[in-house]
C-alpha atoms as a PDB file:
ATOM      1  CA  MET A   1      66.449 221.430 105.532  1.00  0.00           C
ATOM      2  CA  SER A   2      66.376 225.139 104.897  1.00  0.00           C
ATOM      3  CA  LEU A   3      68.421 228.039 106.200  1.00  0.00           C
ATOM      4  CA  ASN A   4      66.978 230.839 108.315  1.00  0.00           C
ATOM      5  CA  LEU A   5      69.099 233.974 108.024  1.00  0.00           C
ATOM      6  CA  CYS A   6      68.906 237.101 110.189  1.00  0.00           C
ATOM      7  CA  ASN A   7      71.005 240.169 110.988  1.00  0.00           C
ATOM      8  CA  ILE A   8      72.646 240.413 114.412  1.00  0.00           C
ATOM      9  CA  PRO A   9      71.920 243.842 115.924  1.00  0.00           C
ATOM     10  CA  ASN A  10      74.069 245.452 118.596  1.00  0.00           C
ATOM     11  CA  ALA A  11      71.410 245.048 121.304  1.00  0.00           C
ATOM     12  CA  ARG A  12      69.197 242.003 120.702  1.00  0.00           C
ATOM     13  CA  GLU A  13      67.236 241.797 123.945  1.00  0.00           C
ATOM     14  CA  ASN A  14      63.484 241.521 123.402  1.00  0.00           C
ATOM     15  CA  LYS A  15      63.680 242.399 119.712  1.00  0.00           C
ATOM     16  CA  GLU A  16      61.473 240.500 117.324  1.00  0.00           C
ATOM     17  CA  SER A  17      62.640 239.411 113.897  1.00  0.00           C
ATOM     18  CA  LYS A  18      60.249 239.808 110.971  1.00  0.00           C
ATOM     19  CA  PHE A  19      60.101 237.658 107.860  1.00  0.00           C
ATOM     20  CA  VAL A  20      61.305 239.604 104.794  1.00  0.00           C
ATOM     21  CA  GLY A  21      61.348 236.994 102.021  1.00  0.00           C
ATOM     22  CA  THR A  22      62.869 233.846 100.583  1.00  0.00           C
ATOM     23  CA  ILE A  23      65.820 233.162  98.326  1.00  0.00           C
ATOM     24  CA  LYS A  24      65.897 229.859  96.494  1.00  0.00           C
ATOM     25  CA  CYS A  25      69.227 228.657  95.115  1.00  0.00           C
ATOM     26  CA  GLN A  26      69.062 225.924  92.486  1.00  0.00           C
ATOM     27  CA  PHE A  27      71.832 223.395  91.947  1.00  0.00           C
ATOM     28  CA  ARG A  28      72.000 220.935  89.036  1.00  0.00           C
ATOM     29  CA  LEU A  29      73.625 217.491  89.166  1.00  0.00           C
ATOM     30  CA  PRO A  30      74.216 215.326  86.076  1.00  0.00           C
ATOM     31  CA  GLY A  31      72.302 212.049  85.843  1.00  0.00           C
ATOM     32  CA  LEU A  32      68.690 211.064  86.429  1.00  0.00           C
ATOM     33  CA  VAL A  33      69.311 208.662  89.302  1.00  0.00           C
ATOM     34  CA  ARG A  34      71.539 209.843  92.137  1.00  0.00           C
ATOM     35  CA  THR A  35      72.028 208.616  95.662  1.00  0.00           C
ATOM     36  CA  ASP A  36      74.165 211.549  96.834  1.00  0.00           C
ATOM     37  CA  THR A  37      71.679 214.396  96.321  1.00  0.00           C
ATOM     38  CA  GLU A  38      70.768 214.752  99.994  1.00  0.00           C
ATOM     39  CA  LYS A  39      74.431 214.566 100.979  1.00  0.00           C
ATOM     40  CA  LYS A  40      75.356 217.321  98.465  1.00  0.00           C
ATOM     41  CA  LYS A  41      72.479 219.510  99.655  1.00  0.00           C
ATOM     42  CA  ASN A  42      73.472 219.081 103.311  1.00  0.00           C
ATOM     43  CA  ALA A  43      77.107 219.916 102.504  1.00  0.00           C
ATOM     44  CA  ILE A  44      76.091 223.116 100.669  1.00  0.00           C
ATOM     45  CA  GLU A  45      73.747 224.179 103.485  1.00  0.00           C
ATOM     46  CA  LYS A  46      76.412 223.478 106.088  1.00  0.00           C
ATOM     47  CA  ARG A  47      79.058 225.520 104.250  1.00  0.00           C
ATOM     48  CA  LEU A  48      76.639 228.400 103.540  1.00  0.00           C
ATOM     49  CA  ASN A  49      75.658 228.355 107.221  1.00  0.00           C
ATOM     50  CA  GLN A  50      79.323 228.648 108.210  1.00  0.00           C
ATOM     51  CA  ARG A  51      80.010 231.427 105.682  1.00  0.00           C
ATOM     52  CA  PHE A  52      77.063 233.480 106.962  1.00  0.00           C
ATOM     53  CA  LYS A  53      78.243 233.067 110.546  1.00  0.00           C
ATOM     54  CA  ASP A  54      81.730 234.181 109.459  1.00  0.00           C
ATOM     55  CA  LEU A  55      80.077 237.336 108.065  1.00  0.00           C
ATOM     56  CA  ASN A  56      78.434 237.974 111.461  1.00  0.00           C
ATOM     57  CA  LEU A  57      74.933 236.982 110.327  1.00  0.00           C
ATOM     58  CA  TYR A  58      72.725 234.701 112.381  1.00  0.00           C
ATOM     59  CA  CYS A  59      72.015 231.524 110.417  1.00  0.00           C
ATOM     60  CA  ALA A  60      70.161 228.427 111.605  1.00  0.00           C
ATOM     61  CA  ARG A  61      69.068 225.286 109.822  1.00  0.00           C
ATOM     62  CA  SER A  62      65.454 224.141 110.061  1.00  0.00           C
ATOM     63  CA  LEU A  63      63.570 221.139 108.743  1.00  0.00           C
ATOM     64  CA  SER A  64      61.742 221.439 105.436  1.00  0.00           C
ATOM     65  CA  ALA A  65      60.852 219.130 102.568  1.00  0.00           C
ATOM     66  CA  THR A  66      63.558 218.581  99.955  1.00  0.00           C
ATOM     67  CA  GLN A  67      62.583 220.161  96.638  1.00  0.00           C
ATOM     68  CA  MET A  68      63.869 218.237  93.615  1.00  0.00           C
ATOM     69  CA  GLN A  69      63.200 218.350  89.883  1.00  0.00           C
ATOM     70  CA  VAL A  70      64.118 215.839  87.203  1.00  0.00           C
ATOM     71  CA  ASN A  71      64.894 217.075  83.688  1.00  0.00           C
ATOM     72  CA  LYS A  72      64.810 214.082  81.345  1.00  0.00           C
ATOM     73  CA  GLU A  73      65.846 216.102  78.283  1.00  0.00           C
ATOM     74  CA  LYS A  74      69.068 217.393  79.848  1.00  0.00           C
ATOM     75  CA  GLU A  75      69.471 214.243  81.954  1.00  0.00           C
ATOM     76  CA  CYS A  76      70.011 216.095  85.202  1.00  0.00           C
ATOM     77  CA  LEU A  77      68.544 216.335  88.651  1.00  0.00           C
ATOM     78  CA  SER A  78      68.044 219.704  90.345  1.00  0.00           C
ATOM     79  CA  PHE A  79      67.551 220.530  93.991  1.00  0.00           C
ATOM     80  CA  ILE A  80      66.807 223.767  95.778  1.00  0.00           C
ATOM     81  CA  VAL A  81      68.394 225.269  98.873  1.00  0.00           C
ATOM     82  CA  ASP A  82      65.754 227.439 100.519  1.00  0.00           C
ATOM     83  CA  ILE A  83      66.945 230.484 102.490  1.00  0.00           C
ATOM     84  CA  LYS A  84      64.411 232.388 104.576  1.00  0.00           C
ATOM     85  CA  VAL A  85      65.514 235.942 105.385  1.00  0.00           C
ATOM     86  CA  TYR A  86      64.456 237.673 108.624  1.00  0.00           C
ATOM     87  CA  TYR A  87      65.360 241.114 109.905  1.00  0.00           C
ATOM     88  CA  ILE A  88      65.567 242.665 113.370  1.00  0.00           C
ATOM     89  CA  ASN A  89      64.776 246.356 113.126  1.00  0.00           C
ATOM     90  CA  GLU A  90      67.548 248.651 114.358  1.00  0.00           C
ATOM     91  CA  SER A  91      66.602 251.954 112.737  1.00  0.00           C
ATOM     92  CA  GLU A  92      63.676 254.321 112.302  1.00  0.00           C
ATOM     93  CA  ASN A  93      62.873 253.209 108.764  1.00  0.00           C
ATOM     94  CA  GLY A  94      62.866 249.457 109.374  1.00  0.00           C
ATOM     95  CA  GLU A  95      61.112 248.363 106.185  1.00  0.00           C
ATOM     96  CA  VAL A  96      63.658 250.075 103.932  1.00  0.00           C
ATOM     97  CA  ALA A  97      66.557 248.716 106.010  1.00  0.00           C
ATOM     98  CA  ALA A  98      65.062 245.205 105.836  1.00  0.00           C
ATOM     99  CA  ALA A  99      64.634 245.454 102.046  1.00  0.00           C
ATOM    100  CA  ARG A 100      68.239 246.631 101.659  1.00  0.00           C
ATOM    101  CA  PHE A 101      69.408 243.762 103.885  1.00  0.00           C
ATOM    102  CA  PHE A 102      67.455 241.309 101.699  1.00  0.00           C
ATOM    103  CA  ALA A 103      69.026 242.769  98.529  1.00  0.00           C
ATOM    104  CA  LYS A 104      72.494 242.593 100.110  1.00  0.00           C
ATOM    105  CA  ILE A 105      71.986 238.907 100.921  1.00  0.00           C
ATOM    106  CA  GLY A 106      70.672 238.264  97.393  1.00  0.00           C
ATOM    107  CA  ARG A 107      73.877 239.739  95.923  1.00  0.00           C
ATOM    108  CA  LEU A 108      76.110 238.008  98.470  1.00  0.00           C
ATOM    109  CA  ILE A 109      74.908 234.445  97.815  1.00  0.00           C
ATOM    110  CA  PRO A 110      76.147 234.181  94.186  1.00  0.00           C
ATOM    111  CA  THR A 111      79.474 235.686  95.274  1.00  0.00           C
ATOM    112  CA  ILE A 112      79.858 232.996  97.942  1.00  0.00           C
ATOM    113  CA  ILE A 113      78.759 230.174  95.642  1.00  0.00           C
ATOM    114  CA  LEU A 114      80.778 231.228  92.599  1.00  0.00           C
ATOM    115  CA  GLY A 115      83.825 231.686  94.831  1.00  0.00           C
ATOM    116  CA  SER A 116      83.785 227.957  95.548  1.00  0.00           C
ATOM    117  CA  SER A 117      85.402 225.816  92.870  1.00  0.00           C
ATOM    118  CA  THR A 118      83.206 222.820  93.758  1.00  0.00           C
ATOM    119  CA  TRP A 119      79.877 224.697  93.487  1.00  0.00           C
ATOM    120  CA  VAL A 120      80.437 226.594  90.225  1.00  0.00           C
ATOM    121  CA  ALA A 121      79.604 223.638  87.983  1.00  0.00           C
ATOM    122  CA  GLU A 122      76.497 222.724  90.014  1.00  0.00           C
ATOM    123  CA  TYR A 123      75.032 226.214  90.539  1.00  0.00           C
ATOM    124  CA  ALA A 124      72.057 226.950  88.281  1.00  0.00           C
ATOM    125  CA  GLY A 125      70.854 230.304  89.656  1.00  0.00           C
ATOM    126  CA  LEU A 126      68.603 231.804  92.272  1.00  0.00           C
ATOM    127  CA  SER A 127      65.186 233.345  92.624  1.00  0.00           C
ATOM    128  CA  THR A 128      63.992 235.850  95.203  1.00  0.00           C
ATOM    129  CA  ASN A 129      60.598 236.522  96.695  1.00  0.00           C
ATOM    130  CA  ILE A 130      60.373 239.598  98.942  1.00  0.00           C
ATOM    131  CA  MET A 131      57.264 240.490 100.930  1.00  0.00           C
ATOM    132  CA  PRO A 132      55.332 243.271  99.131  1.00  0.00           C
ATOM    133  CA  SER A 133      55.395 245.735 102.050  1.00  0.00           C
ATOM    134  CA  TYR A 134      59.214 245.771 101.997  1.00  0.00           C
ATOM    135  CA  LEU A 135      59.306 246.117  98.225  1.00  0.00           C
ATOM    136  CA  PHE A 136      56.859 249.036  98.313  1.00  0.00           C
ATOM    137  CA  ALA A 137      58.857 250.772 101.064  1.00  0.00           C
ATOM    138  CA  LEU A 138      62.027 250.408  99.009  1.00  0.00           C
ATOM    139  CA  GLU A 139      60.320 251.737  95.860  1.00  0.00           C
ATOM    140  CA  GLU A 140      59.124 254.807  97.768  1.00  0.00           C
ATOM    141  CA  ALA A 141      62.575 255.397  99.295  1.00  0.00           C
ATOM    142  CA  LEU A 142      64.182 255.236  95.852  1.00  0.00           C
ATOM    143  CA  GLY A 143      61.542 257.450  94.287  1.00  0.00           C
ATOM    144  CA  LEU A 144      60.332 254.735  91.911  1.00  0.00           C
ATOM    145  CA  TYR A 145      56.730 254.970  93.053  1.00  0.00           C
ATOM    146  CA  GLU A 146      54.528 257.305  91.055  1.00  0.00           C
ATOM    147  CA  PRO A 147      51.177 258.018  92.702  1.00  0.00           C
ATOM    148  CA  ASN A 148      48.197 257.708  90.396  1.00  0.00           C
ATOM    149  CA  VAL A 149      46.591 261.012  89.496  1.00  0.00           C
ATOM    150  CA  ALA A 150      42.850 260.950  90.081  1.00  0.00           C
ATOM    151  CA  SER A 151      40.926 261.793  86.933  1.00  0.00           C
ATOM    152  CA  ALA A 152      38.163 264.369  87.052  1.00  0.00           C
END
């Protein structure tokens, strides 16, 4: 399973959501052989889904392959909760708004996870992957982009 997350605009009729990027949250469980990994992953996805809905964000679960890693040195098993972020444009500068929404979600997830006493010990971090067009729009809006000067 994975989570699909999207903003809820004031007027949704006939508005198309666009894919902005993915956020992958990694959780680590002690032991090399576990039978409760899928159950733990489903519980985390279910609670994240509920928390996002409480924050007035559209969140839906969809089928995807379970991603697991075994670390024999540390004797632990890791799994990944995949969150796909979509955005429905509500403003004139949609790419910048979508990039800011993605960044807001990226900051919000650790706050939600670390606020739970049961997830703190299992949480191993997250990684983000934003679509380049949104990243470039955000860089330009922040003034981080420096155009190349053509040499003579």
